Amino acid sequence: MTSRLDRVTEERLKTIRDLRSRGVEPYPHTYRPSHTAAEARALCEREGERSQVVSLAGRVMARRKMGKMAFLDLKDGSGKLQVCLRRDLLGDESYDLLRDIGIGDFVGVEGELFLTKTGEVTVDVARVGLLAKSLRPLPEKWHGLVDVETRYRQRYLDLLSNDDVRSTFVLRSRIVSATRRFLDGEGYLEVETPVLQAKAGGALARPFVTHHHSLGEDLFLRIALELSLKKLIVGGVDRVYEIGRVFRNEGISVRHNPEFTLMECYCAYGDYEDMMVLAENLFAAVAQEVLGTTRVEFRGNQIELAPPWRRVYLRDAVREASGIDFEDYDDTEGLHERMLQEGVRVDGLPRRAKLIDALISTFVEPKLVQPTFVLDYPVEMSPFAKRKRGNDRMAERFEAFISGLEFANAFSELNDPVDQRERLEQQLRERVGEEDVEVADEDFIEAMEYGMPPAGGLGIGIDRLVMLLTGQDSIRDVILFPQLRGKHDD
């Protein structure tokens, strides 16, 4: 049985054949509008009606016919504008083209701007042409596009149907640009580093693996930007950053996507205290530039991003929230048993780092609503961070949380190559058989052996920053094409 979609497509294919038989090309090569919809609207409001002739191009989103007159709503990248087509102005041949123009088609029009009796800015069309004939019908305008799976899988329809979605991604672009401007203004140099790497290092994550046929070698999609950027610090680039995609072969959730955008920056001669100042200033500056305020609503909370942000020590935060002082337990078994008494269960082998991470996510994170830096993590959780001054069991590392979600991670970077090698090798011994493990990258350690200055390093999840500043609860709503399960025919 023929479906409605098949019937509509066949009707539109017939229209295309008819147009071509009359010498009308339904897919011309180009059209050069003089104004966008927004520019034309502003021009009419500024100069008055019948004072300007404009040409516009856009997609037909609605049509209303009244006798020998028809109104179309054209939508371009700047918004919508109404156009009026009259038989007496266009002539019979051009006006008859209207019967071949449907919702979803692209058209170009030229004419004077005027105001209707209701005050609607409108183009009185003197010339009209078809620019592209659509074969598939758009989602019904009065319902919009609400099916979540379709919205993510066919984002182009989502953008057409939901103006708020378009606004989110316009803001995303502005947020990324503002982040760049802030870092450039702080003297950081933007660079690009390899996505394909011989070893996946710089974070605890399971990598994606691919194969390079010419080299005959397996390669990894990067899971972090860290190691390449720190090699540049060794090379004398004192302030450096990258905004790029990273890939982690792990779970998908409202907080996680297998590929996401990360900003990492490194500052020679700095430490994690400098990175705290940089992070809070960056968040506030980007919010102020993009939104005009440092106060945002996120996950049901009113958030103030203006510095200074609250600072708490990890040990104190865990002890206050859970009643457990992890420093009281020298052995992993004792800490694990104490956590079980509090109802906290950890899957897999209960290593100390994993147990403390579970304490943080269970008891601490949900309580961190206003921007908060959580400082000083156990060394075994932070293999690339320098040991805490005055406490070798802890590392100079912080994570930044807002409304229970992590937004940033930073270190006083470890620059002792002997200590670095020992820590990575120790971790490898403890995590035999596990896939999410730091790799002892010989090339990176060799670079450190040439001498790496003291440095502070900071990583910020760009997708989560966009979530924060646009008020979105799911990471899928700030990534144009989020990862979805493959679509299979039944």
Protein backbone atom coordinates (compact mmCIF):
# COMPACT_ATOMS: atom_id res chain seq x y z
CA MET A 1 0.00 0.00 0.00
CA THR A 2 1.35 3.43 -0.97
CA SER A 3 2.04 5.67 2.02
CA ARG A 4 1.05 9.31 2.27
CA LEU A 5 4.73 10.28 2.09
CA ASP A 6 5.14 8.30 -1.12
CA ARG A 7 2.08 9.99 -2.63
CA VAL A 8 3.29 13.48 -1.67
CA THR A 9 6.76 12.78 -3.07
CA GLU A 10 5.34 11.47 -6.35
CA GLU A 11 3.09 14.53 -6.68
CA ARG A 12 6.06 16.83 -6.17
CA LEU A 13 8.19 14.90 -8.65
CA LYS A 14 5.38 15.35 -11.19
CA THR A 15 5.37 19.09 -10.43
CA ILE A 16 9.12 19.21 -11.12
CA ARG A 17 8.61 17.47 -14.47
CA ASP A 18 5.82 19.88 -15.37
CA LEU A 19 7.94 22.89 -14.43
CA ARG A 20 10.82 21.75 -16.59
CA SER A 21 8.48 21.09 -19.49
CA ARG A 22 7.46 24.78 -19.26
CA GLY A 23 11.07 25.91 -19.17
CA VAL A 24 11.18 26.62 -15.42
CA GLU A 25 14.23 25.20 -13.60
CA PRO A 26 13.18 24.18 -10.04
CA TYR A 27 16.82 24.12 -8.84
CA PRO A 28 18.60 27.22 -10.21
CA HIS A 29 22.28 27.70 -9.47
CA THR A 30 22.15 30.89 -7.41
CA TYR A 31 20.13 33.80 -6.09
CA ARG A 32 21.47 36.90 -4.42
CA PRO A 33 19.04 38.53 -1.97
CA SER A 34 19.62 42.16 -1.06
CA HIS A 35 18.46 41.76 2.54
CA THR A 36 17.72 39.15 5.17
CA ALA A 37 14.24 38.96 6.67
CA ALA A 38 15.45 40.73 9.81
CA GLU A 39 17.21 43.45 7.80
CA ALA A 40 14.13 44.06 5.66
CA ARG A 41 11.92 44.32 8.73
CA ALA A 42 14.29 46.80 10.36
CA LEU A 43 14.51 48.79 7.11
CA CYS A 44 10.74 49.18 6.86
CA GLU A 45 10.45 50.16 10.51
CA ARG A 46 13.22 52.73 10.05
CA GLU A 47 12.49 54.15 6.59
CA GLY A 48 8.73 53.60 6.33
CA GLU A 49 6.66 51.63 3.83
CA ARG A 50 6.89 51.95 0.05
CA SER A 51 10.29 53.60 0.43
CA GLN A 52 12.47 50.61 -0.36
CA VAL A 53 12.58 47.70 -2.81
CA VAL A 54 14.17 44.54 -1.42
CA SER A 55 14.84 41.02 -2.61
CA LEU A 56 14.57 38.13 -0.17
CA ALA A 57 15.14 34.38 -0.27
CA GLY A 58 13.80 31.80 2.13
CA ARG A 59 11.79 28.67 2.78
CA VAL A 60 7.99 28.79 2.57
CA MET A 61 6.67 27.98 6.03
CA ALA A 62 3.01 28.93 5.52
CA ARG A 63 0.67 30.07 2.74
CA ARG A 64 -2.74 31.71 2.75
CA LYS A 65 -4.73 32.33 -0.46
CA MET A 66 -7.50 34.90 -0.74
CA GLY A 67 -9.00 35.24 -4.22
CA LYS A 68 -6.45 36.81 -6.53
CA MET A 69 -4.00 37.37 -3.69
CA ALA A 70 -1.84 35.06 -1.58
CA PHE A 71 0.40 35.50 1.43
CA LEU A 72 3.48 33.41 2.13
CA ASP A 73 5.65 33.29 5.25
CA LEU A 74 9.30 33.09 4.21
CA LYS A 75 11.93 31.96 6.71
CA ASP A 76 15.66 32.53 6.35
CA GLY A 77 18.50 32.33 8.83
CA SER A 78 17.45 35.58 10.51
CA GLY A 79 13.73 34.90 10.96
CA LYS A 80 10.42 35.07 9.10
CA LEU A 81 8.81 37.73 6.93
CA GLN A 82 5.46 37.82 5.19
CA VAL A 83 5.27 38.34 1.41
CA CYS A 84 2.18 39.19 -0.64
CA LEU A 85 1.63 37.91 -4.19
CA ARG A 86 -1.04 39.69 -6.29
CA ARG A 87 -2.16 38.61 -9.76
CA ASP A 88 -2.57 42.21 -10.90
CA LEU A 89 1.05 43.03 -10.02
CA LEU A 90 2.75 39.78 -11.02
CA GLY A 91 0.76 39.00 -14.13
CA ASP A 92 -0.95 35.70 -14.91
CA GLU A 93 2.15 33.67 -15.80
CA SER A 94 4.16 34.53 -12.71
CA TYR A 95 1.12 34.35 -10.42
CA ASP A 96 0.26 30.90 -11.76
CA LEU A 97 3.65 29.71 -10.52
CA LEU A 98 2.08 29.92 -7.06
CA ARG A 99 0.19 26.67 -7.62
CA ASP A 100 3.54 24.90 -7.99
CA ILE A 101 4.99 26.37 -4.79
CA GLY A 102 4.36 24.42 -1.61
CA ILE A 103 5.33 24.58 2.05
CA GLY A 104 8.99 23.65 2.37
CA ASP A 105 10.02 25.08 -0.99
CA PHE A 106 12.66 27.82 -1.28
CA VAL A 107 11.67 30.92 -3.25
CA GLY A 108 13.16 34.29 -4.08
CA VAL A 109 11.01 37.43 -4.19
CA GLU A 110 11.49 41.10 -5.00
CA GLY A 111 9.23 44.02 -4.21
CA GLU A 112 8.41 47.04 -2.07
CA LEU A 113 8.04 46.85 1.67
CA PHE A 114 4.69 47.88 3.14
CA LEU A 115 2.59 47.46 6.26
CA THR A 116 -0.67 45.53 6.25
CA LYS A 117 -3.76 46.83 8.06
CA THR A 118 -2.63 44.80 11.08
CA GLY A 119 0.83 46.42 10.99
CA GLU A 120 2.65 43.38 9.58
CA VAL A 121 5.81 44.18 7.60
CA THR A 122 5.27 42.61 4.18
CA VAL A 123 6.90 42.50 0.74
CA ASP A 124 4.58 43.44 -2.14
CA VAL A 125 6.04 40.95 -4.61
CA ALA A 126 6.75 42.15 -8.15
CA ARG A 127 8.97 39.20 -9.09
CA VAL A 128 9.00 35.63 -7.77
CA GLY A 129 11.10 32.58 -8.59
CA LEU A 130 11.40 29.03 -7.32
CA LEU A 131 14.86 28.29 -5.87
CA ALA A 132 14.50 24.69 -4.65
CA LYS A 133 11.54 22.30 -4.67
CA SER A 134 11.22 20.12 -1.57
CA LEU A 135 10.20 16.50 -2.10
CA ARG A 136 9.25 15.70 1.49
CA PRO A 137 6.64 17.54 3.57
CA LEU A 138 7.79 19.41 6.67
CA PRO A 139 6.42 18.48 10.11
CA GLU A 140 2.98 19.98 10.71
CA LYS A 141 3.55 23.58 11.74
CA TRP A 142 0.88 23.62 14.43
CA HIS A 143 2.43 20.70 16.25
CA GLY A 144 6.08 21.53 15.65
CA LEU A 145 8.57 18.72 16.00
CA VAL A 146 8.23 17.16 19.45
CA ASP A 147 9.36 13.54 19.04
CA VAL A 148 12.69 13.46 20.86
CA GLU A 149 14.27 10.72 18.73
CA THR A 150 13.35 12.52 15.49
CA ARG A 151 14.56 15.85 16.87
CA TYR A 152 18.04 14.47 17.55
CA ARG A 153 18.29 12.23 14.50
CA GLN A 154 16.97 14.84 12.06
CA ARG A 155 18.28 18.00 13.67
CA TYR A 156 17.65 19.99 10.49
CA LEU A 157 13.89 19.50 11.00
CA ASP A 158 14.25 20.39 14.67
CA LEU A 159 15.94 23.67 13.72
CA LEU A 160 13.21 24.44 11.20
CA SER A 161 10.35 23.67 13.56
CA ASN A 162 11.60 24.95 16.91
CA ASP A 163 12.96 28.49 17.08
CA ASP A 164 14.19 28.01 20.65
CA VAL A 165 16.43 25.16 19.48
CA ARG A 166 17.95 27.40 16.85
CA SER A 167 18.53 30.06 19.50
CA THR A 168 20.39 27.54 21.67
CA PHE A 169 22.85 26.73 18.90
CA VAL A 170 23.32 30.37 17.97
CA LEU A 171 24.22 30.93 21.63
CA ARG A 172 26.56 27.95 21.54
CA SER A 173 28.51 29.53 18.71
CA ARG A 174 28.70 32.82 20.59
CA ILE A 175 29.83 31.04 23.78
CA VAL A 176 32.69 29.30 21.97
CA SER A 177 33.73 32.56 20.30
CA ALA A 178 33.59 34.41 23.63
CA THR A 179 35.73 31.70 25.25
CA ARG A 180 38.33 32.16 22.54
CA ARG A 181 38.31 35.92 22.91
CA PHE A 182 38.76 35.65 26.67
CA LEU A 183 41.74 33.28 26.38
CA ASP A 184 43.28 35.29 23.55
CA GLY A 185 42.97 38.37 25.75
CA GLU A 186 44.82 36.55 28.53
CA GLY A 187 47.75 35.91 26.19
CA TYR A 188 47.02 32.26 25.36
CA LEU A 189 47.86 30.90 21.90
CA GLU A 190 45.28 28.65 20.23
CA VAL A 191 46.68 25.52 18.57
CA GLU A 192 45.46 22.28 17.01
CA THR A 193 46.84 18.89 18.04
CA PRO A 194 46.35 15.39 16.56
CA VAL A 195 43.06 13.55 16.95
CA LEU A 196 44.62 10.24 15.91
CA GLN A 197 47.27 9.13 18.39
CA ALA A 198 49.55 6.14 18.83
CA LYS A 199 48.56 5.99 22.52
CA ALA A 200 45.47 7.33 24.25
CA GLY A 201 46.53 9.23 27.34
CA GLY A 202 45.79 12.26 29.46
CA ALA A 203 42.66 10.93 31.16
CA LEU A 204 41.07 7.82 32.61
CA ALA A 205 38.81 6.63 29.79
CA ARG A 206 38.25 3.75 27.39
CA PRO A 207 39.36 4.92 23.91
CA PHE A 208 37.98 4.33 20.44
CA VAL A 209 40.35 2.33 18.24
CA THR A 210 40.79 2.66 14.50
CA HIS A 211 43.24 1.28 11.95
CA HIS A 212 45.58 3.18 9.64
CA HIS A 213 45.98 1.00 6.56
CA SER A 214 49.04 2.69 5.07
CA LEU A 215 50.94 2.48 8.35
CA GLY A 216 49.53 -0.92 9.21
CA GLU A 217 48.94 0.26 12.78
CA ASP A 218 46.05 0.67 15.17
CA LEU A 219 45.53 4.24 16.33
CA PHE A 220 43.36 5.79 19.03
CA LEU A 221 41.01 8.75 18.91
CA ARG A 222 42.23 11.14 21.57
CA ILE A 223 40.54 11.07 24.97
CA ALA A 224 42.11 14.35 26.12
CA LEU A 225 44.18 17.27 24.83
CA GLU A 226 46.62 17.31 27.72
CA LEU A 227 49.77 15.53 26.63
CA SER A 228 50.24 17.32 23.29
CA LEU A 229 49.64 20.72 24.87
CA LYS A 230 52.15 20.07 27.65
CA LYS A 231 54.73 19.12 25.02
CA LEU A 232 54.23 22.64 23.66
CA ILE A 233 54.91 24.04 27.14
CA VAL A 234 58.20 22.10 27.00
CA GLY A 235 58.79 23.69 23.59
CA GLY A 236 58.54 27.20 24.98
CA VAL A 237 54.92 28.08 24.21
CA ASP A 238 54.21 29.53 27.65
CA ARG A 239 50.45 29.97 27.34
CA VAL A 240 48.57 27.61 25.07
CA TYR A 241 45.04 26.31 24.60
CA GLU A 242 42.91 24.17 22.33
CA ILE A 243 39.16 23.81 21.86
CA GLY A 244 38.53 20.48 20.22
CA ARG A 245 36.62 17.24 20.05
CA VAL A 246 37.67 14.33 22.26
CA PHE A 247 36.30 10.79 22.19
CA ARG A 248 35.57 8.37 25.02
CA ASN A 249 34.14 4.92 24.38
CA GLU A 250 31.86 4.96 27.39
CA GLY A 251 28.24 5.39 28.40
CA ILE A 252 25.67 7.78 26.98
CA SER A 253 23.47 9.83 29.30
CA VAL A 254 22.01 13.31 29.76
CA ARG A 255 25.49 14.32 30.97
CA HIS A 256 27.72 12.32 28.61
CA ASN A 257 28.19 11.95 24.86
CA PRO A 258 30.91 9.70 23.38
CA GLU A 259 32.35 12.69 21.50
CA PHE A 260 32.34 16.07 23.15
CA THR A 261 34.09 19.44 23.00
CA LEU A 262 36.80 20.18 25.52
CA MET A 263 38.86 23.28 26.19
CA GLU A 264 42.25 22.72 27.79
CA CYS A 265 44.77 25.46 28.52
CA TYR A 266 48.21 25.47 30.15
CA CYS A 267 50.16 28.33 31.68
CA ALA A 268 53.88 28.06 32.32
CA TYR A 269 55.02 29.17 35.79
CA GLY A 270 51.46 29.01 37.17
CA ASP A 271 49.69 26.57 39.50
CA TYR A 272 46.15 25.49 40.35
CA GLU A 273 45.53 28.70 42.28
CA ASP A 274 46.08 30.63 39.05
CA MET A 275 43.73 28.24 37.24
CA MET A 276 40.99 28.89 39.80
CA VAL A 277 41.17 32.61 39.09
CA LEU A 278 41.24 31.95 35.34
CA ALA A 279 38.23 29.61 35.48
CA GLU A 280 35.94 31.85 37.53
CA ASN A 281 36.86 34.88 35.45
CA LEU A 282 36.28 32.97 32.20
CA PHE A 283 32.81 31.76 33.21
CA ALA A 284 31.79 35.23 34.35
CA ALA A 285 33.22 37.01 31.30
CA VAL A 286 31.61 34.63 28.80
CA ALA A 287 28.23 34.86 30.54
CA GLN A 288 28.42 38.65 30.65
CA GLU A 289 29.34 38.90 26.96
CA VAL A 290 26.78 36.41 25.69
CA LEU A 291 23.87 36.96 28.09
CA GLY A 292 24.55 40.42 29.47
CA THR A 293 24.53 39.07 33.03
CA THR A 294 26.47 36.73 35.30
CA ARG A 295 23.27 35.39 36.86
CA VAL A 296 21.69 32.35 35.17
CA GLU A 297 19.03 29.77 35.92
CA PHE A 298 20.22 26.17 35.70
CA ARG A 299 18.60 22.94 36.83
CA GLY A 300 16.03 24.85 38.86
CA ASN A 301 18.61 27.01 40.65
CA GLN A 302 19.52 30.68 40.37
CA ILE A 303 23.29 30.66 39.85
CA GLU A 304 25.64 33.62 40.33
CA LEU A 305 28.81 33.19 38.27
CA ALA A 306 30.61 36.38 39.33
CA PRO A 307 33.83 35.68 41.25
CA PRO A 308 34.99 34.85 43.79
CA TRP A 309 33.64 31.30 43.84
CA ARG A 310 33.44 29.24 47.02
CA ARG A 311 36.45 27.06 47.81
CA VAL A 312 36.25 23.87 49.91
CA TYR A 313 38.73 21.07 50.57
CA LEU A 314 37.73 17.63 49.31
CA ARG A 315 38.47 15.87 52.59
CA ASP A 316 36.36 18.36 54.55
CA ALA A 317 33.51 18.24 52.03
CA VAL A 318 33.34 14.41 52.09
CA ARG A 319 33.59 14.27 55.88
CA GLU A 320 30.88 16.90 56.35
CA ALA A 321 28.48 15.33 53.83
CA SER A 322 28.96 11.64 54.65
CA GLY A 323 30.53 11.45 58.10
CA ILE A 324 33.43 9.50 56.57
CA ASP A 325 37.02 10.74 56.76
CA PHE A 326 38.82 8.74 54.07
CA GLU A 327 42.18 9.68 55.61
CA ASP A 328 41.25 7.57 58.65
CA TYR A 329 41.51 4.44 56.49
CA ASP A 330 44.95 3.39 55.34
CA ASP A 331 43.62 0.19 53.79
CA THR A 332 41.08 0.00 50.97
CA GLU A 333 39.14 -2.78 52.65
CA GLY A 334 38.41 -0.69 55.74
CA LEU A 335 37.16 2.26 53.69
CA HIS A 336 35.04 -0.06 51.55
CA GLU A 337 33.45 -1.64 54.62
CA ARG A 338 32.67 1.77 56.09
CA MET A 339 31.01 2.85 52.85
CA LEU A 340 28.91 -0.30 52.76
CA GLN A 341 27.60 0.63 56.19
CA GLU A 342 26.38 3.89 54.64
CA GLY A 343 24.74 2.03 51.76
CA VAL A 344 27.30 3.03 49.12
CA ARG A 345 28.15 0.17 46.77
CA VAL A 346 30.86 0.27 44.13
CA ASP A 347 30.86 -2.03 41.13
CA GLY A 348 34.01 -3.88 40.17
CA LEU A 349 37.27 -3.95 42.07
CA PRO A 350 37.00 -1.45 44.97
CA ARG A 351 40.24 0.51 44.53
CA ARG A 352 40.82 3.46 46.86
CA ALA A 353 40.55 6.06 44.09
CA LYS A 354 37.29 4.53 42.89
CA LEU A 355 35.89 4.47 46.44
CA ILE A 356 36.69 8.13 47.06
CA ASP A 357 35.20 9.06 43.70
CA ALA A 358 31.99 7.27 44.73
CA LEU A 359 31.94 9.24 47.99
CA ILE A 360 32.23 12.48 46.02
CA SER A 361 29.48 11.65 43.52
CA THR A 362 27.13 10.25 46.18
CA PHE A 363 27.47 12.77 49.00
CA VAL A 364 29.29 15.89 47.82
CA GLU A 365 28.30 16.74 44.24
CA PRO A 366 24.52 16.93 44.79
CA LYS A 367 25.03 19.59 47.49
CA LEU A 368 27.22 21.89 45.40
CA VAL A 369 24.70 24.29 43.90
CA GLN A 370 26.51 27.62 43.66
CA PRO A 371 29.88 27.59 41.83
CA THR A 372 32.37 25.77 44.05
CA PHE A 373 35.98 24.70 43.71
CA VAL A 374 36.70 21.40 45.47
CA LEU A 375 40.43 21.33 46.26
CA ASP A 376 43.15 18.75 46.93
CA TYR A 377 42.54 15.18 45.78
CA PRO A 378 44.40 12.01 46.78
CA VAL A 379 47.48 11.44 44.62
CA GLU A 380 46.15 8.10 43.34
CA MET A 381 43.21 10.00 41.76
CA SER A 382 45.46 12.57 40.08
CA PRO A 383 48.47 11.04 38.28
CA PHE A 384 49.33 14.24 36.38
CA ALA A 385 49.11 16.65 39.32
CA LYS A 386 51.94 17.81 41.60
CA ARG A 387 51.83 16.66 45.19
CA LYS A 388 50.31 19.07 47.70
CA ARG A 389 52.83 21.33 49.35
CA GLY A 390 53.15 19.99 52.90
CA ASN A 391 51.12 16.80 52.26
CA ASP A 392 52.55 14.20 49.86
CA ARG A 393 49.39 12.05 50.08
CA MET A 394 47.35 14.75 48.33
CA ALA A 395 47.68 16.41 44.92
CA GLU A 396 47.13 20.03 43.95
CA ARG A 397 44.00 19.51 41.91
CA PHE A 398 40.55 21.04 41.88
CA GLU A 399 37.23 20.31 40.24
CA ALA A 400 34.56 22.99 39.75
CA PHE A 401 30.91 22.13 40.37
CA ILE A 402 27.67 23.99 39.70
CA SER A 403 24.20 22.59 40.47
CA GLY A 404 25.72 19.19 41.19
CA LEU A 405 27.51 18.96 37.82
CA GLU A 406 31.26 19.05 37.18
CA PHE A 407 32.37 21.80 34.82
CA ALA A 408 36.14 22.06 35.17
CA ASN A 409 39.20 20.10 36.27
CA ALA A 410 42.63 21.59 36.93
CA PHE A 411 46.08 20.78 38.30
CA SER A 412 49.33 22.21 39.38
CA GLU A 413 50.94 20.16 36.62
CA LEU A 414 53.44 17.47 37.53
CA ASN A 415 56.74 18.31 35.83
CA ASP A 416 59.05 15.75 37.49
CA PRO A 417 59.54 13.05 34.81
CA VAL A 418 60.76 10.45 37.34
CA ASP A 419 57.71 10.90 39.56
CA GLN A 420 55.47 10.94 36.48
CA ARG A 421 56.80 7.62 35.22
CA GLU A 422 56.52 6.00 38.64
CA ARG A 423 52.93 7.10 39.10
CA LEU A 424 51.77 5.90 35.70
CA GLU A 425 53.55 2.57 36.10
CA GLN A 426 52.04 2.13 39.58
CA GLN A 427 48.60 2.79 38.16
CA LEU A 428 49.15 0.26 35.40
CA ARG A 429 50.11 -2.37 37.97
CA GLU A 430 47.02 -1.65 40.05
CA ARG A 431 44.61 -1.66 37.11
CA VAL A 432 45.75 -4.71 35.14
CA GLY A 433 43.06 -5.73 32.68
CA GLU A 434 41.07 -2.51 32.97
CA GLU A 435 40.51 -0.38 29.87
CA ASP A 436 40.10 3.05 31.48
CA VAL A 437 43.69 3.53 32.58
CA GLU A 438 46.35 6.17 31.96
CA VAL A 439 49.01 5.01 29.54
CA ALA A 440 52.70 5.51 30.32
CA ASP A 441 53.35 7.49 27.13
CA GLU A 442 57.10 7.26 26.55
CA ASP A 443 57.07 10.08 24.03
CA PHE A 444 55.44 12.42 26.57
CA ILE A 445 57.80 11.41 29.37
CA GLU A 446 60.77 11.87 27.05
CA ALA A 447 59.56 15.42 26.34
CA MET A 448 59.36 16.09 30.08
CA GLU A 449 62.93 14.83 30.49
CA TYR A 450 64.09 17.78 28.39
CA GLY A 451 62.68 20.02 31.13
CA MET A 452 59.17 21.27 31.69
CA PRO A 453 58.61 24.46 33.73
CA PRO A 454 56.09 24.64 36.57
CA ALA A 455 52.64 25.04 35.03
CA GLY A 456 48.97 25.23 35.77
CA GLY A 457 46.51 23.36 33.57
CA LEU A 458 42.73 23.72 33.22
CA GLY A 459 40.09 21.74 31.36
CA ILE A 460 36.49 22.91 30.81
CA GLY A 461 33.72 20.93 29.15
CA ILE A 462 32.36 23.28 26.50
CA ASP A 463 29.11 21.33 26.09
CA ARG A 464 28.39 21.64 29.80
CA LEU A 465 29.25 25.34 29.73
CA VAL A 466 26.67 25.72 26.96
CA MET A 467 24.16 23.73 29.03
CA LEU A 468 24.72 26.14 31.91
CA LEU A 469 24.36 29.33 29.90
CA THR A 470 21.35 28.14 27.86
CA GLY A 471 19.53 26.43 30.73
CA GLN A 472 19.49 22.97 29.13
CA ASP A 473 19.31 19.82 31.28
CA SER A 474 20.60 17.35 28.66
CA ILE A 475 23.89 17.42 26.78
CA ARG A 476 22.01 16.16 23.71
CA ASP A 477 20.22 19.50 23.55
CA VAL A 478 23.47 21.43 23.06
CA ILE A 479 25.16 19.07 20.56
CA LEU A 480 23.81 19.44 17.04
CA PHE A 481 24.16 15.76 16.19
CA PRO A 482 24.40 13.69 19.40
CA GLN A 483 25.35 10.03 19.24
CA LEU A 484 22.32 7.75 18.83
CA ARG A 485 21.84 4.05 18.42
CA GLY A 486 21.93 3.03 14.75
CA LYS A 487 18.59 3.13 12.96
CA HIS A 488 17.71 -0.33 11.69
CA ASP A 489 14.92 -1.43 9.40
CA ASP A 490 12.38 -3.75 11.03
